[in-house]
Amino acid sequence: MKSKIIGSIVAVMFMFVASAAMAGGHVTPTAPADYLSKKAPKKASKKALEKGAKTYKKKCKKCHGSKGDGKGTSAEGLKVAPTAFSAAGYMKGRSDGQLYWIIEKGSEGTDMEAFGLGTDANLSEKKIWRVIQYMQKEFTK
């Protein structure tokens, strides 16, 4: 029993260290509680996923790559490597609200800009949710 607990702790620590290493040592802070409680509005329709894919390709692909591997055409030379959404366990380990917060507000200390209302990108809440639903479907392995 004790060895299973220790094994679980080691596995969690490894995942945390691996995630930080993939992000160039950057660790994204946890979103505030009011964001963490957010859930995607409903199961995404085929049309919503297509719209999410279109927005992803327009706004996210250049850094995060078409495969979600963090190897987009603009990724090279960034001070912090873009997150690889397709890394095993990454998407499953992120709540809807955490993803929403990062997209809306950006990620301090990185080149990840804010995409929410009032920014240059000015993505609506609906578009942000569609992108999240697309990412969850496309990159969850």
C-alpha atoms as a PDB file:
ATOM      1  CA  MET A   1       0.000   0.000   0.000  1.00  0.00           C
ATOM      2  CA  LYS A   2       2.749   2.417   1.019  1.00  0.00           C
ATOM      3  CA  SER A   3       4.711   1.672  -2.183  1.00  0.00           C
ATOM      4  CA  LYS A   4       1.606   2.399  -4.310  1.00  0.00           C
ATOM      5  CA  ILE A   5       1.199   5.794  -2.647  1.00  0.00           C
ATOM      6  CA  ILE A   6       4.873   6.619  -3.124  1.00  0.00           C
ATOM      7  CA  GLY A   7       4.661   5.429  -6.735  1.00  0.00           C
ATOM      8  CA  SER A   8       1.652   7.684  -7.337  1.00  0.00           C
ATOM      9  CA  ILE A   9       3.423  10.679  -5.814  1.00  0.00           C
ATOM     10  CA  VAL A  10       6.508  10.058  -7.948  1.00  0.00           C
ATOM     11  CA  ALA A  11       4.351   9.752 -11.094  1.00  0.00           C
ATOM     12  CA  VAL A  12       2.580  13.061 -10.371  1.00  0.00           C
ATOM     13  CA  MET A  13       5.898  14.788  -9.676  1.00  0.00           C
ATOM     14  CA  PHE A  14       7.330  13.404 -12.925  1.00  0.00           C
ATOM     15  CA  MET A  15       4.355  14.697 -14.921  1.00  0.00           C
ATOM     16  CA  PHE A  16       4.725  18.132 -13.310  1.00  0.00           C
ATOM     17  CA  VAL A  17       8.462  18.301 -14.022  1.00  0.00           C
ATOM     18  CA  ALA A  18       7.971  17.019 -17.586  1.00  0.00           C
ATOM     19  CA  SER A  19       5.256  19.613 -18.223  1.00  0.00           C
ATOM     20  CA  ALA A  20       7.499  22.377 -16.922  1.00  0.00           C
ATOM     21  CA  ALA A  21      10.399  21.149 -19.034  1.00  0.00           C
ATOM     22  CA  MET A  22       8.236  21.103 -22.172  1.00  0.00           C
ATOM     23  CA  ALA A  23       7.220  24.683 -21.436  1.00  0.00           C
ATOM     24  CA  GLY A  24      10.817  25.843 -21.069  1.00  0.00           C
ATOM     25  CA  GLY A  25      10.612  25.824 -17.274  1.00  0.00           C
ATOM     26  CA  HIS A  26       7.516  28.026 -17.262  1.00  0.00           C
ATOM     27  CA  VAL A  27       4.651  26.931 -15.059  1.00  0.00           C
ATOM     28  CA  THR A  28       1.298  28.544 -15.790  1.00  0.00           C
ATOM     29  CA  PRO A  29      -0.427  29.728 -12.634  1.00  0.00           C
ATOM     30  CA  THR A  30      -3.733  28.186 -11.669  1.00  0.00           C
ATOM     31  CA  ALA A  31      -6.756  30.179 -12.765  1.00  0.00           C
ATOM     32  CA  PRO A  32      -8.889  31.939 -10.143  1.00  0.00           C
ATOM     33  CA  ALA A  33     -11.731  29.865  -8.659  1.00  0.00           C
ATOM     34  CA  ASP A  34     -14.434  31.657 -10.670  1.00  0.00           C
ATOM     35  CA  TYR A  35     -12.693  30.481 -13.856  1.00  0.00           C
ATOM     36  CA  LEU A  36     -11.921  26.976 -12.626  1.00  0.00           C
ATOM     37  CA  SER A  37     -15.626  26.384 -12.059  1.00  0.00           C
ATOM     38  CA  LYS A  38     -16.452  27.223 -15.699  1.00  0.00           C
ATOM     39  CA  LYS A  39     -17.530  24.371 -17.938  1.00  0.00           C
ATOM     40  CA  ALA A  40     -17.906  24.280 -21.698  1.00  0.00           C
ATOM     41  CA  PRO A  41     -21.567  25.092 -22.443  1.00  0.00           C
ATOM     42  CA  LYS A  42     -22.526  21.727 -23.965  1.00  0.00           C
ATOM     43  CA  LYS A  43     -21.239  18.899 -26.063  1.00  0.00           C
ATOM     44  CA  ALA A  44     -19.882  20.422 -29.240  1.00  0.00           C
ATOM     45  CA  SER A  45     -21.737  19.825 -32.475  1.00  0.00           C
ATOM     46  CA  LYS A  46     -19.872  18.968 -35.654  1.00  0.00           C
ATOM     47  CA  LYS A  47     -20.450  22.531 -36.883  1.00  0.00           C
ATOM     48  CA  ALA A  48     -19.126  24.036 -33.625  1.00  0.00           C
ATOM     49  CA  LEU A  49     -15.994  21.843 -33.842  1.00  0.00           C
ATOM     50  CA  GLU A  50     -15.447  22.958 -37.447  1.00  0.00           C
ATOM     51  CA  LYS A  51     -15.712  26.595 -36.358  1.00  0.00           C
ATOM     52  CA  GLY A  52     -13.356  25.914 -33.447  1.00  0.00           C
ATOM     53  CA  ALA A  53     -10.872  24.324 -35.866  1.00  0.00           C
ATOM     54  CA  LYS A  54     -11.064  27.364 -38.129  1.00  0.00           C
ATOM     55  CA  THR A  55     -10.360  29.733 -35.225  1.00  0.00           C
ATOM     56  CA  TYR A  56      -7.545  27.477 -33.954  1.00  0.00           C
ATOM     57  CA  LYS A  57      -5.910  27.485 -37.388  1.00  0.00           C
ATOM     58  CA  LYS A  58      -6.237  31.258 -37.617  1.00  0.00           C
ATOM     59  CA  LYS A  59      -5.131  32.194 -34.083  1.00  0.00           C
ATOM     60  CA  CYS A  60      -3.271  29.282 -32.459  1.00  0.00           C
ATOM     61  CA  LYS A  61      -1.613  27.125 -35.120  1.00  0.00           C
ATOM     62  CA  LYS A  62       1.285  29.498 -35.816  1.00  0.00           C
ATOM     63  CA  CYS A  63       2.703  28.817 -32.341  1.00  0.00           C
ATOM     64  CA  HIS A  64       1.085  25.587 -31.142  1.00  0.00           C
ATOM     65  CA  GLY A  65       1.241  23.807 -34.523  1.00  0.00           C
ATOM     66  CA  SER A  66      -1.422  22.107 -36.606  1.00  0.00           C
ATOM     67  CA  LYS A  67      -0.856  18.907 -34.612  1.00  0.00           C
ATOM     68  CA  GLY A  68      -0.914  20.728 -31.251  1.00  0.00           C
ATOM     69  CA  ASP A  69       2.719  19.758 -30.729  1.00  0.00           C
ATOM     70  CA  GLY A  70       4.002  23.271 -29.938  1.00  0.00           C
ATOM     71  CA  LYS A  71       5.971  23.350 -33.194  1.00  0.00           C
ATOM     72  CA  GLY A  72       4.172  25.990 -35.201  1.00  0.00           C
ATOM     73  CA  THR A  73       5.925  28.179 -37.752  1.00  0.00           C
ATOM     74  CA  SER A  74       6.309  31.025 -35.218  1.00  0.00           C
ATOM     75  CA  ALA A  75       7.406  28.835 -32.289  1.00  0.00           C
ATOM     76  CA  GLU A  76      11.127  28.957 -32.946  1.00  0.00           C
ATOM     77  CA  GLY A  77      12.863  31.711 -31.038  1.00  0.00           C
ATOM     78  CA  LEU A  78      10.091  32.347 -28.494  1.00  0.00           C
ATOM     79  CA  LYS A  79      11.441  32.807 -24.966  1.00  0.00           C
ATOM     80  CA  VAL A  80       9.128  30.056 -23.679  1.00  0.00           C
ATOM     81  CA  ALA A  81       8.250  27.168 -25.967  1.00  0.00           C
ATOM     82  CA  PRO A  82       4.524  27.007 -26.808  1.00  0.00           C
ATOM     83  CA  THR A  83       2.573  24.353 -24.964  1.00  0.00           C
ATOM     84  CA  ALA A  84       2.280  20.989 -26.688  1.00  0.00           C
ATOM     85  CA  PHE A  85      -1.418  20.199 -26.309  1.00  0.00           C
ATOM     86  CA  SER A  86      -0.883  16.793 -27.878  1.00  0.00           C
ATOM     87  CA  ALA A  87       1.571  15.700 -25.154  1.00  0.00           C
ATOM     88  CA  ALA A  88       0.196  12.649 -23.354  1.00  0.00           C
ATOM     89  CA  GLY A  89      -2.123  13.704 -20.552  1.00  0.00           C
ATOM     90  CA  TYR A  90      -1.882  17.463 -21.138  1.00  0.00           C
ATOM     91  CA  MET A  91      -5.488  18.072 -22.207  1.00  0.00           C
ATOM     92  CA  LYS A  92      -6.948  15.561 -19.740  1.00  0.00           C
ATOM     93  CA  GLY A  93      -5.124  17.334 -16.939  1.00  0.00           C
ATOM     94  CA  ARG A  94      -6.601  20.770 -17.693  1.00  0.00           C
ATOM     95  CA  SER A  95     -10.083  21.868 -16.694  1.00  0.00           C
ATOM     96  CA  ASP A  96     -12.321  23.733 -19.119  1.00  0.00           C
ATOM     97  CA  GLY A  97     -12.048  26.837 -16.942  1.00  0.00           C
ATOM     98  CA  GLN A  98      -8.239  26.740 -16.785  1.00  0.00           C
ATOM     99  CA  LEU A  99      -8.036  26.563 -20.581  1.00  0.00           C
ATOM    100  CA  TYR A 100     -10.595  29.357 -20.918  1.00  0.00           C
ATOM    101  CA  TRP A 101      -8.630  31.599 -18.538  1.00  0.00           C
ATOM    102  CA  ILE A 102      -5.356  31.080 -20.410  1.00  0.00           C
ATOM    103  CA  ILE A 103      -6.930  31.840 -23.791  1.00  0.00           C
ATOM    104  CA  GLU A 104      -8.864  34.855 -22.529  1.00  0.00           C
ATOM    105  CA  LYS A 105      -6.115  36.384 -20.358  1.00  0.00           C
ATOM    106  CA  GLY A 106      -2.888  35.083 -21.914  1.00  0.00           C
ATOM    107  CA  SER A 107       0.022  33.640 -19.976  1.00  0.00           C
ATOM    108  CA  GLU A 108       2.290  36.044 -18.137  1.00  0.00           C
ATOM    109  CA  GLY A 109       5.995  35.523 -18.752  1.00  0.00           C
ATOM    110  CA  THR A 110       5.392  33.981 -22.180  1.00  0.00           C
ATOM    111  CA  ASP A 111       4.489  35.150 -25.659  1.00  0.00           C
ATOM    112  CA  MET A 112       0.959  33.773 -25.198  1.00  0.00           C
ATOM    113  CA  GLU A 113      -1.164  36.842 -25.692  1.00  0.00           C
ATOM    114  CA  ALA A 114      -4.691  37.395 -24.420  1.00  0.00           C
ATOM    115  CA  PHE A 115      -7.435  36.590 -26.925  1.00  0.00           C
ATOM    116  CA  GLY A 116     -10.557  37.618 -24.983  1.00  0.00           C
ATOM    117  CA  LEU A 117     -12.943  40.484 -25.560  1.00  0.00           C
ATOM    118  CA  GLY A 118     -11.279  43.875 -25.659  1.00  0.00           C
ATOM    119  CA  THR A 119      -7.952  42.488 -26.924  1.00  0.00           C
ATOM    120  CA  ASP A 120      -6.558  42.795 -30.441  1.00  0.00           C
ATOM    121  CA  ALA A 121      -7.831  39.273 -31.198  1.00  0.00           C
ATOM    122  CA  ASN A 122     -11.189  40.050 -29.543  1.00  0.00           C
ATOM    123  CA  LEU A 123     -12.513  36.476 -29.447  1.00  0.00           C
ATOM    124  CA  SER A 124     -16.029  36.124 -28.086  1.00  0.00           C
ATOM    125  CA  GLU A 125     -16.833  33.722 -25.268  1.00  0.00           C
ATOM    126  CA  LYS A 126     -18.527  31.439 -27.801  1.00  0.00           C
ATOM    127  CA  LYS A 127     -15.403  31.331 -30.013  1.00  0.00           C
ATOM    128  CA  ILE A 128     -13.145  30.615 -27.047  1.00  0.00           C
ATOM    129  CA  TRP A 129     -15.358  27.682 -26.009  1.00  0.00           C
ATOM    130  CA  ARG A 130     -15.371  26.344 -29.567  1.00  0.00           C
ATOM    131  CA  VAL A 131     -11.570  26.449 -29.691  1.00  0.00           C
ATOM    132  CA  ILE A 132     -11.372  24.632 -26.353  1.00  0.00           C
ATOM    133  CA  GLN A 133     -13.811  21.963 -27.507  1.00  0.00           C
ATOM    134  CA  TYR A 134     -11.852  21.526 -30.748  1.00  0.00           C
ATOM    135  CA  MET A 135      -8.563  21.229 -28.827  1.00  0.00           C
ATOM    136  CA  GLN A 136     -10.030  18.704 -26.400  1.00  0.00           C
ATOM    137  CA  LYS A 137     -11.339  16.541 -29.213  1.00  0.00           C
ATOM    138  CA  GLU A 138      -8.330  16.886 -31.496  1.00  0.00           C
ATOM    139  CA  PHE A 139      -5.451  16.703 -29.022  1.00  0.00           C
ATOM    140  CA  THR A 140      -6.636  14.452 -26.175  1.00  0.00           C
ATOM    141  CA  LYS A 141      -4.721  11.202 -26.388  1.00  0.00           C
END
